[in-house]
Amino acid sequence: MSSAAAISGRHALVTGGGSGVGRAIALALAGAGIDVTICGRRVEPLAEVAAQNKRIFAIAADVTDEASMASLYEDAEAARGPLDVVVANAGMSGSASAQRTSLADWQRTLDVNLTGVFLTVKPALAGMAARKTGRIIFIASTAGLKGYPYVAAYVAAKHGVVGLMRALAVETAKSGVTVNAVCPGFVETEMLEGAVRRIVETTGRSAEQARTSLAETNPQGRFIQPEEIAAAVLYLCNDAAGSITGQTISISGGETW
């Protein structure tokens, strides 16, 4: 039996599924025969992704709002059954030195990148434990494994995601549920383009120079592609990955391990 056939028919949630990495993950899971609920705050990008595969179902939701996530779970599970896979992907980033980071910006970054991750997975835990099966996958970052300048709030949040993953992996180890974090380096997405614009605005360098400086953090000298992250997520959903839990999987060309 192929790996795709083995996971066909399951139900997955992918937050931030309307663009970038979330979009690639949703399409990869749907292509493997998994029913996928995607969520985000903007309806139009979600609808565009859902239109590409009939297995993808879009619901607008805000990961920072507990009531919104509870409603998302209720609607998703009523439509397609219990969630077997939860991919906490939604995130955002900004850029400023720590001394220039306002409390509001700090809180916003943690709300989306850390608290939002917790609110994404918490509703799934009891059901997965009762069914003795489940896959929880955090899309973290190499910023959860090392420090970067001018993104202190983001680094703190992603380190928190890695810590949350490790705690949940221990809590669920005997339940048949696995919990892991995929930690990409710079990925060629809309978020990367935002980082390039900020570098251009603050340093006066050209966009090409900014992109080159970011790509050079990867020993392979390139940006990670969203499909590479999707492939790792797809593998973690398989029964063959049943003994992989509590792990950070660095997809960074050797930048971190």
C-alpha atoms as a PDB file:
ATOM      1  CA  MET A   1       0.000   0.000   0.000  1.00  0.00           C
ATOM      2  CA  SER A   2       1.360   3.432  -0.930  1.00  0.00           C
ATOM      3  CA  SER A   3       1.807   6.095   1.727  1.00  0.00           C
ATOM      4  CA  ALA A   4      -0.879   8.201   0.043  1.00  0.00           C
ATOM      5  CA  ALA A   5      -3.361   5.327   0.140  1.00  0.00           C
ATOM      6  CA  ALA A   6      -2.585   4.700   3.810  1.00  0.00           C
ATOM      7  CA  ILE A   7      -3.633   8.200   4.863  1.00  0.00           C
ATOM      8  CA  SER A   8      -6.463   8.718   2.399  1.00  0.00           C
ATOM      9  CA  GLY A   9      -9.801   9.547   3.986  1.00  0.00           C
ATOM     10  CA  ARG A  10      -8.421  11.363   7.011  1.00  0.00           C
ATOM     11  CA  HIS A  11      -9.424  14.911   7.980  1.00  0.00           C
ATOM     12  CA  ALA A  12      -6.853  17.675   8.478  1.00  0.00           C
ATOM     13  CA  LEU A  13      -6.949  21.284   9.618  1.00  0.00           C
ATOM     14  CA  VAL A  14      -4.416  23.733   8.200  1.00  0.00           C
ATOM     15  CA  THR A  15      -4.386  27.240   9.625  1.00  0.00           C
ATOM     16  CA  GLY A  16      -3.150  30.068   7.447  1.00  0.00           C
ATOM     17  CA  GLY A  17      -4.169  27.922   4.499  1.00  0.00           C
ATOM     18  CA  GLY A  18      -4.864  30.716   2.043  1.00  0.00           C
ATOM     19  CA  SER A  19      -1.297  31.447   0.989  1.00  0.00           C
ATOM     20  CA  GLY A  20       2.343  30.434   1.091  1.00  0.00           C
ATOM     21  CA  VAL A  21       3.291  27.411   3.128  1.00  0.00           C
ATOM     22  CA  GLY A  22      -0.269  26.758   4.305  1.00  0.00           C
ATOM     23  CA  ARG A  23      -1.523  26.688   0.736  1.00  0.00           C
ATOM     24  CA  ALA A  24       1.192  24.210  -0.292  1.00  0.00           C
ATOM     25  CA  ILE A  25       0.424  21.971   2.684  1.00  0.00           C
ATOM     26  CA  ALA A  26      -3.313  21.999   2.019  1.00  0.00           C
ATOM     27  CA  LEU A  27      -2.835  21.076  -1.644  1.00  0.00           C
ATOM     28  CA  ALA A  28      -0.361  18.300  -0.786  1.00  0.00           C
ATOM     29  CA  LEU A  29      -2.664  16.755   1.822  1.00  0.00           C
ATOM     30  CA  ALA A  30      -5.692  16.983  -0.452  1.00  0.00           C
ATOM     31  CA  GLY A  31      -3.665  15.440  -3.249  1.00  0.00           C
ATOM     32  CA  ALA A  32      -2.980  12.474  -0.961  1.00  0.00           C
ATOM     33  CA  GLY A  33      -6.707  11.911  -0.435  1.00  0.00           C
ATOM     34  CA  ILE A  34      -7.067  13.770   2.865  1.00  0.00           C
ATOM     35  CA  ASP A  35     -10.064  16.036   3.441  1.00  0.00           C
ATOM     36  CA  VAL A  36      -8.626  19.425   4.404  1.00  0.00           C
ATOM     37  CA  THR A  37     -10.251  22.285   6.278  1.00  0.00           C
ATOM     38  CA  ILE A  38      -8.293  25.490   5.811  1.00  0.00           C
ATOM     39  CA  CYS A  39      -8.780  28.671   7.775  1.00  0.00           C
ATOM     40  CA  GLY A  40      -7.587  32.251   7.820  1.00  0.00           C
ATOM     41  CA  ARG A  41      -9.002  35.708   8.328  1.00  0.00           C
ATOM     42  CA  ARG A  42      -9.319  36.615   4.636  1.00  0.00           C
ATOM     43  CA  VAL A  43     -12.055  34.813   2.730  1.00  0.00           C
ATOM     44  CA  GLU A  44     -10.855  35.436  -0.833  1.00  0.00           C
ATOM     45  CA  PRO A  45      -7.475  33.632  -0.660  1.00  0.00           C
ATOM     46  CA  LEU A  46      -9.105  30.704   1.145  1.00  0.00           C
ATOM     47  CA  ALA A  47     -11.728  30.396  -1.579  1.00  0.00           C
ATOM     48  CA  GLU A  48      -9.044  30.462  -4.282  1.00  0.00           C
ATOM     49  CA  VAL A  49      -7.202  27.560  -2.648  1.00  0.00           C
ATOM     50  CA  ALA A  50     -10.402  25.580  -2.033  1.00  0.00           C
ATOM     51  CA  ALA A  51     -11.311  25.946  -5.711  1.00  0.00           C
ATOM     52  CA  GLN A  52      -8.197  23.984  -6.664  1.00  0.00           C
ATOM     53  CA  ASN A  53      -9.253  20.717  -5.004  1.00  0.00           C
ATOM     54  CA  LYS A  54     -12.706  19.513  -4.032  1.00  0.00           C
ATOM     55  CA  ARG A  55     -11.305  17.978  -0.845  1.00  0.00           C
ATOM     56  CA  ILE A  56     -10.401  21.443   0.513  1.00  0.00           C
ATOM     57  CA  PHE A  57     -13.050  23.223   2.575  1.00  0.00           C
ATOM     58  CA  ALA A  58     -12.540  26.838   3.659  1.00  0.00           C
ATOM     59  CA  ILE A  59     -13.741  28.481   6.870  1.00  0.00           C
ATOM     60  CA  ALA A  60     -12.844  32.025   7.970  1.00  0.00           C
ATOM     61  CA  ALA A  61     -11.429  32.027  11.506  1.00  0.00           C
ATOM     62  CA  ASP A  62      -9.005  33.953  13.714  1.00  0.00           C
ATOM     63  CA  VAL A  63      -6.424  31.807  15.513  1.00  0.00           C
ATOM     64  CA  THR A  64      -6.015  34.438  18.233  1.00  0.00           C
ATOM     65  CA  ASP A  65      -9.680  34.201  19.235  1.00  0.00           C
ATOM     66  CA  GLU A  66     -10.683  31.181  21.357  1.00  0.00           C
ATOM     67  CA  ALA A  67     -14.378  31.414  20.447  1.00  0.00           C
ATOM     68  CA  SER A  68     -13.535  31.635  16.753  1.00  0.00           C
ATOM     69  CA  MET A  69     -11.425  28.483  16.939  1.00  0.00           C
ATOM     70  CA  ALA A  70     -14.110  26.626  18.907  1.00  0.00           C
ATOM     71  CA  SER A  71     -16.613  27.534  16.211  1.00  0.00           C
ATOM     72  CA  LEU A  72     -14.184  26.432  13.507  1.00  0.00           C
ATOM     73  CA  TYR A  73     -13.801  23.011  15.097  1.00  0.00           C
ATOM     74  CA  GLU A  74     -17.547  22.632  15.494  1.00  0.00           C
ATOM     75  CA  ASP A  75     -18.226  23.478  11.845  1.00  0.00           C
ATOM     76  CA  ALA A  76     -15.320  21.461  10.446  1.00  0.00           C
ATOM     77  CA  GLU A  77     -16.083  18.310  12.404  1.00  0.00           C
ATOM     78  CA  ALA A  78     -19.815  18.546  11.693  1.00  0.00           C
ATOM     79  CA  ALA A  79     -19.042  18.695   7.986  1.00  0.00           C
ATOM     80  CA  ARG A  80     -16.219  16.155   7.699  1.00  0.00           C
ATOM     81  CA  GLY A  81     -15.822  14.290  10.961  1.00  0.00           C
ATOM     82  CA  PRO A  82     -13.176  14.404  13.684  1.00  0.00           C
ATOM     83  CA  LEU A  83      -9.835  15.969  12.899  1.00  0.00           C
ATOM     84  CA  ASP A  84      -7.039  13.435  12.520  1.00  0.00           C
ATOM     85  CA  VAL A  85      -4.336  15.973  11.655  1.00  0.00           C
ATOM     86  CA  VAL A  86      -3.840  19.546  12.864  1.00  0.00           C
ATOM     87  CA  VAL A  87      -1.222  21.704  11.172  1.00  0.00           C
ATOM     88  CA  ALA A  88      -0.698  24.960  13.077  1.00  0.00           C
ATOM     89  CA  ASN A  89       0.785  27.104  10.346  1.00  0.00           C
ATOM     90  CA  ALA A  90      -0.678  30.605  10.709  1.00  0.00           C
ATOM     91  CA  GLY A  91       1.928  33.220  11.543  1.00  0.00           C
ATOM     92  CA  MET A  92       3.185  36.751  11.016  1.00  0.00           C
ATOM     93  CA  SER A  93       6.413  38.657  11.406  1.00  0.00           C
ATOM     94  CA  GLY A  94       7.679  42.192  11.728  1.00  0.00           C
ATOM     95  CA  SER A  95      11.077  43.781  12.105  1.00  0.00           C
ATOM     96  CA  ALA A  96      12.550  46.146  14.672  1.00  0.00           C
ATOM     97  CA  SER A  97      15.368  46.150  17.163  1.00  0.00           C
ATOM     98  CA  ALA A  98      14.323  44.949  20.591  1.00  0.00           C
ATOM     99  CA  GLN A  99      14.625  48.440  22.056  1.00  0.00           C
ATOM    100  CA  ARG A 100      12.277  49.803  19.387  1.00  0.00           C
ATOM    101  CA  THR A 101       9.708  47.012  19.684  1.00  0.00           C
ATOM    102  CA  SER A 102       6.558  48.393  21.263  1.00  0.00           C
ATOM    103  CA  LEU A 103       4.579  46.363  23.766  1.00  0.00           C
ATOM    104  CA  ALA A 104       1.691  46.306  21.286  1.00  0.00           C
ATOM    105  CA  ASP A 105       3.904  44.831  18.547  1.00  0.00           C
ATOM    106  CA  TRP A 106       5.395  42.333  21.003  1.00  0.00           C
ATOM    107  CA  GLN A 107       1.945  41.220  22.132  1.00  0.00           C
ATOM    108  CA  ARG A 108       0.585  40.983  18.596  1.00  0.00           C
ATOM    109  CA  THR A 109       3.509  38.792  17.524  1.00  0.00           C
ATOM    110  CA  LEU A 110       3.041  36.427  20.464  1.00  0.00           C
ATOM    111  CA  ASP A 111      -0.748  36.400  20.047  1.00  0.00           C
ATOM    112  CA  VAL A 112      -0.511  35.133  16.465  1.00  0.00           C
ATOM    113  CA  ASN A 113       2.620  32.994  16.558  1.00  0.00           C
ATOM    114  CA  LEU A 114       2.357  31.398  20.003  1.00  0.00           C
ATOM    115  CA  THR A 115      -1.058  31.828  21.624  1.00  0.00           C
ATOM    116  CA  GLY A 116      -2.677  31.222  18.247  1.00  0.00           C
ATOM    117  CA  VAL A 117      -0.799  27.938  17.963  1.00  0.00           C
ATOM    118  CA  PHE A 118      -2.029  26.863  21.393  1.00  0.00           C
ATOM    119  CA  LEU A 119      -5.629  27.791  20.546  1.00  0.00           C
ATOM    120  CA  THR A 120      -5.306  25.896  17.259  1.00  0.00           C
ATOM    121  CA  VAL A 121      -4.331  22.565  18.807  1.00  0.00           C
ATOM    122  CA  LYS A 122      -6.025  22.617  22.213  1.00  0.00           C
ATOM    123  CA  PRO A 123      -9.517  21.651  20.908  1.00  0.00           C
ATOM    124  CA  ALA A 124      -8.050  18.582  19.179  1.00  0.00           C
ATOM    125  CA  LEU A 125      -6.225  17.057  22.128  1.00  0.00           C
ATOM    126  CA  ALA A 126      -9.040  15.330  24.008  1.00  0.00           C
ATOM    127  CA  GLY A 127     -10.566  13.756  20.906  1.00  0.00           C
ATOM    128  CA  MET A 128      -7.255  12.523  19.552  1.00  0.00           C
ATOM    129  CA  ALA A 129      -6.355  11.004  22.922  1.00  0.00           C
ATOM    130  CA  ALA A 130      -9.732   9.257  23.132  1.00  0.00           C
ATOM    131  CA  ARG A 131      -9.338   7.827  19.617  1.00  0.00           C
ATOM    132  CA  LYS A 132      -5.706   6.850  20.340  1.00  0.00           C
ATOM    133  CA  THR A 133      -4.480   8.474  17.148  1.00  0.00           C
ATOM    134  CA  GLY A 134      -3.620  11.863  15.742  1.00  0.00           C
ATOM    135  CA  ARG A 135      -0.952  14.065  14.223  1.00  0.00           C
ATOM    136  CA  ILE A 136      -0.160  17.568  15.482  1.00  0.00           C
ATOM    137  CA  ILE A 137       2.366  19.472  13.401  1.00  0.00           C
ATOM    138  CA  PHE A 138       3.609  22.953  14.207  1.00  0.00           C
ATOM    139  CA  ILE A 139       5.132  25.011  11.420  1.00  0.00           C
ATOM    140  CA  ALA A 140       7.723  26.797  13.498  1.00  0.00           C
ATOM    141  CA  SER A 141      10.955  28.253  12.109  1.00  0.00           C
ATOM    142  CA  THR A 142      14.698  28.145  12.421  1.00  0.00           C
ATOM    143  CA  ALA A 143      13.933  31.178  14.623  1.00  0.00           C
ATOM    144  CA  GLY A 144      12.699  28.602  17.132  1.00  0.00           C
ATOM    145  CA  LEU A 145      16.182  27.039  17.160  1.00  0.00           C
ATOM    146  CA  LYS A 146      18.519  30.049  17.072  1.00  0.00           C
ATOM    147  CA  GLY A 147      18.513  33.812  17.375  1.00  0.00           C
ATOM    148  CA  TYR A 148      18.177  36.411  14.625  1.00  0.00           C
ATOM    149  CA  PRO A 149      18.609  40.171  15.003  1.00  0.00           C
ATOM    150  CA  TYR A 150      15.713  42.630  14.702  1.00  0.00           C
ATOM    151  CA  VAL A 151      13.011  39.993  15.211  1.00  0.00           C
ATOM    152  CA  ALA A 152      13.205  39.410  18.961  1.00  0.00           C
ATOM    153  CA  ALA A 153       9.449  38.978  19.404  1.00  0.00           C
ATOM    154  CA  TYR A 154       9.254  36.494  16.531  1.00  0.00           C
ATOM    155  CA  VAL A 155      12.236  34.523  17.842  1.00  0.00           C
ATOM    156  CA  ALA A 156      10.718  34.424  21.330  1.00  0.00           C
ATOM    157  CA  ALA A 157       7.373  33.241  19.956  1.00  0.00           C
ATOM    158  CA  LYS A 158       8.891  30.498  17.803  1.00  0.00           C
ATOM    159  CA  HIS A 159      11.052  29.270  20.677  1.00  0.00           C
ATOM    160  CA  GLY A 160       7.795  29.104  22.636  1.00  0.00           C
ATOM    161  CA  VAL A 161       6.219  26.995  19.896  1.00  0.00           C
ATOM    162  CA  VAL A 162       9.099  24.525  20.094  1.00  0.00           C
ATOM    163  CA  GLY A 163       8.712  24.353  23.876  1.00  0.00           C
ATOM    164  CA  LEU A 164       4.967  23.803  23.566  1.00  0.00           C
ATOM    165  CA  MET A 165       5.582  21.037  21.038  1.00  0.00           C
ATOM    166  CA  ARG A 166       7.987  19.250  23.369  1.00  0.00           C
ATOM    167  CA  ALA A 167       5.587  19.486  26.313  1.00  0.00           C
ATOM    168  CA  LEU A 168       2.654  18.152  24.282  1.00  0.00           C
ATOM    169  CA  ALA A 169       4.780  15.352  22.842  1.00  0.00           C
ATOM    170  CA  VAL A 170       5.519  14.119  26.369  1.00  0.00           C
ATOM    171  CA  GLU A 171       1.891  14.492  27.457  1.00  0.00           C
ATOM    172  CA  THR A 172       0.585  12.508  24.479  1.00  0.00           C
ATOM    173  CA  ALA A 173       3.384   9.966  24.051  1.00  0.00           C
ATOM    174  CA  LYS A 174       1.330   6.971  25.223  1.00  0.00           C
ATOM    175  CA  SER A 175      -1.863   7.980  23.445  1.00  0.00           C
ATOM    176  CA  GLY A 176      -0.926   7.258  19.835  1.00  0.00           C
ATOM    177  CA  VAL A 177      -0.726  10.984  19.074  1.00  0.00           C
ATOM    178  CA  THR A 178       2.488  12.486  17.720  1.00  0.00           C
ATOM    179  CA  VAL A 179       3.520  16.124  18.036  1.00  0.00           C
ATOM    180  CA  ASN A 180       6.353  17.634  15.995  1.00  0.00           C
ATOM    181  CA  ALA A 181       7.598  20.964  14.685  1.00  0.00           C
ATOM    182  CA  VAL A 182       8.830  21.652  11.177  1.00  0.00           C
ATOM    183  CA  CYS A 183      11.365  24.490  11.289  1.00  0.00           C
ATOM    184  CA  PRO A 184      12.043  26.089   7.911  1.00  0.00           C
ATOM    185  CA  GLY A 185      14.626  28.698   7.101  1.00  0.00           C
ATOM    186  CA  PHE A 186      13.671  31.546   4.777  1.00  0.00           C
ATOM    187  CA  VAL A 187      10.864  30.313   2.533  1.00  0.00           C
ATOM    188  CA  GLU A 188       9.943  31.839  -0.823  1.00  0.00           C
ATOM    189  CA  THR A 189       6.513  33.180   0.139  1.00  0.00           C
ATOM    190  CA  GLU A 190       4.650  36.444   0.595  1.00  0.00           C
ATOM    191  CA  MET A 191       6.157  36.719   4.096  1.00  0.00           C
ATOM    192  CA  LEU A 192       9.647  36.661   2.574  1.00  0.00           C
ATOM    193  CA  GLU A 193       8.717  39.470   0.212  1.00  0.00           C
ATOM    194  CA  GLY A 194       7.615  41.489   3.227  1.00  0.00           C
ATOM    195  CA  ALA A 195      11.015  40.944   4.829  1.00  0.00           C
ATOM    196  CA  VAL A 196      12.732  42.068   1.630  1.00  0.00           C
ATOM    197  CA  ARG A 197      10.661  45.264   1.521  1.00  0.00           C
ATOM    198  CA  ARG A 198      11.536  46.085   5.128  1.00  0.00           C
ATOM    199  CA  ILE A 199      15.248  45.605   4.432  1.00  0.00           C
ATOM    200  CA  VAL A 200      15.024  47.882   1.391  1.00  0.00           C
ATOM    201  CA  GLU A 201      13.177  50.543   3.368  1.00  0.00           C
ATOM    202  CA  THR A 202      15.528  50.523   6.359  1.00  0.00           C
ATOM    203  CA  THR A 203      18.900  50.003   4.673  1.00  0.00           C
ATOM    204  CA  GLY A 204      18.565  51.459   1.198  1.00  0.00           C
ATOM    205  CA  ARG A 205      19.803  48.261  -0.370  1.00  0.00           C
ATOM    206  CA  SER A 206      18.159  46.999  -3.547  1.00  0.00           C
ATOM    207  CA  ALA A 207      15.591  44.211  -3.449  1.00  0.00           C
ATOM    208  CA  GLU A 208      18.093  41.928  -5.194  1.00  0.00           C
ATOM    209  CA  GLN A 209      20.729  42.677  -2.562  1.00  0.00           C
ATOM    210  CA  ALA A 210      18.219  42.054   0.222  1.00  0.00           C
ATOM    211  CA  ARG A 211      17.158  38.734  -1.249  1.00  0.00           C
ATOM    212  CA  THR A 212      20.789  37.676  -1.665  1.00  0.00           C
ATOM    213  CA  SER A 213      21.611  38.494   1.957  1.00  0.00           C
ATOM    214  CA  LEU A 214      18.663  36.410   3.176  1.00  0.00           C
ATOM    215  CA  ALA A 215      19.437  33.481   0.859  1.00  0.00           C
ATOM    216  CA  GLU A 216      23.015  33.414   2.134  1.00  0.00           C
ATOM    217  CA  THR A 217      21.815  32.353   5.610  1.00  0.00           C
ATOM    218  CA  ASN A 218      21.159  28.971   3.980  1.00  0.00           C
ATOM    219  CA  PRO A 219      24.434  27.078   3.356  1.00  0.00           C
ATOM    220  CA  GLN A 220      22.897  25.893   0.085  1.00  0.00           C
ATOM    221  CA  GLY A 221      22.525  29.542  -0.930  1.00  0.00           C
ATOM    222  CA  ARG A 222      18.846  29.379  -1.775  1.00  0.00           C
ATOM    223  CA  PHE A 223      15.355  29.846  -0.385  1.00  0.00           C
ATOM    224  CA  ILE A 224      13.283  26.921   0.826  1.00  0.00           C
ATOM    225  CA  GLN A 225      10.261  26.178  -1.360  1.00  0.00           C
ATOM    226  CA  PRO A 226       6.815  25.761   0.250  1.00  0.00           C
ATOM    227  CA  GLU A 227       6.444  22.344  -1.360  1.00  0.00           C
ATOM    228  CA  GLU A 228       9.477  21.085   0.561  1.00  0.00           C
ATOM    229  CA  ILE A 229       7.737  21.870   3.832  1.00  0.00           C
ATOM    230  CA  ALA A 230       4.528  20.279   2.579  1.00  0.00           C
ATOM    231  CA  ALA A 231       6.434  17.080   1.793  1.00  0.00           C
ATOM    232  CA  ALA A 232       7.741  16.892   5.374  1.00  0.00           C
ATOM    233  CA  VAL A 233       4.242  17.430   6.759  1.00  0.00           C
ATOM    234  CA  LEU A 234       2.867  14.724   4.493  1.00  0.00           C
ATOM    235  CA  TYR A 235       5.483  12.275   5.746  1.00  0.00           C
ATOM    236  CA  LEU A 236       4.685  13.044   9.389  1.00  0.00           C
ATOM    237  CA  CYS A 237       1.033  12.199   8.697  1.00  0.00           C
ATOM    238  CA  ASN A 238       1.935   8.662   7.657  1.00  0.00           C
ATOM    239  CA  ASP A 239       1.810   5.636   9.933  1.00  0.00           C
ATOM    240  CA  ALA A 240       5.494   5.122   9.102  1.00  0.00           C
ATOM    241  CA  ALA A 241       6.213   8.264  11.168  1.00  0.00           C
ATOM    242  CA  GLY A 242       4.459   6.904  14.248  1.00  0.00           C
ATOM    243  CA  SER A 243       7.647   6.851  16.328  1.00  0.00           C
ATOM    244  CA  ILE A 244       8.624  10.408  15.429  1.00  0.00           C
ATOM    245  CA  THR A 245       7.385  12.728  18.165  1.00  0.00           C
ATOM    246  CA  GLY A 246       8.843  15.644  20.096  1.00  0.00           C
ATOM    247  CA  GLN A 247      11.151  16.492  17.198  1.00  0.00           C
ATOM    248  CA  THR A 248      12.193  19.690  15.468  1.00  0.00           C
ATOM    249  CA  ILE A 249      12.718  18.990  11.788  1.00  0.00           C
ATOM    250  CA  SER A 250      14.949  21.696  10.330  1.00  0.00           C
ATOM    251  CA  ILE A 251      14.395  22.423   6.661  1.00  0.00           C
ATOM    252  CA  SER A 252      17.142  24.950   6.192  1.00  0.00           C
ATOM    253  CA  GLY A 253      19.854  23.609   3.918  1.00  0.00           C
ATOM    254  CA  GLY A 254      22.054  22.912   6.928  1.00  0.00           C
ATOM    255  CA  GLU A 255      21.654  26.290   8.683  1.00  0.00           C
ATOM    256  CA  THR A 256      20.387  24.594  11.845  1.00  0.00           C
ATOM    257  CA  TRP A 257      19.924  21.053  13.068  1.00  0.00           C
END
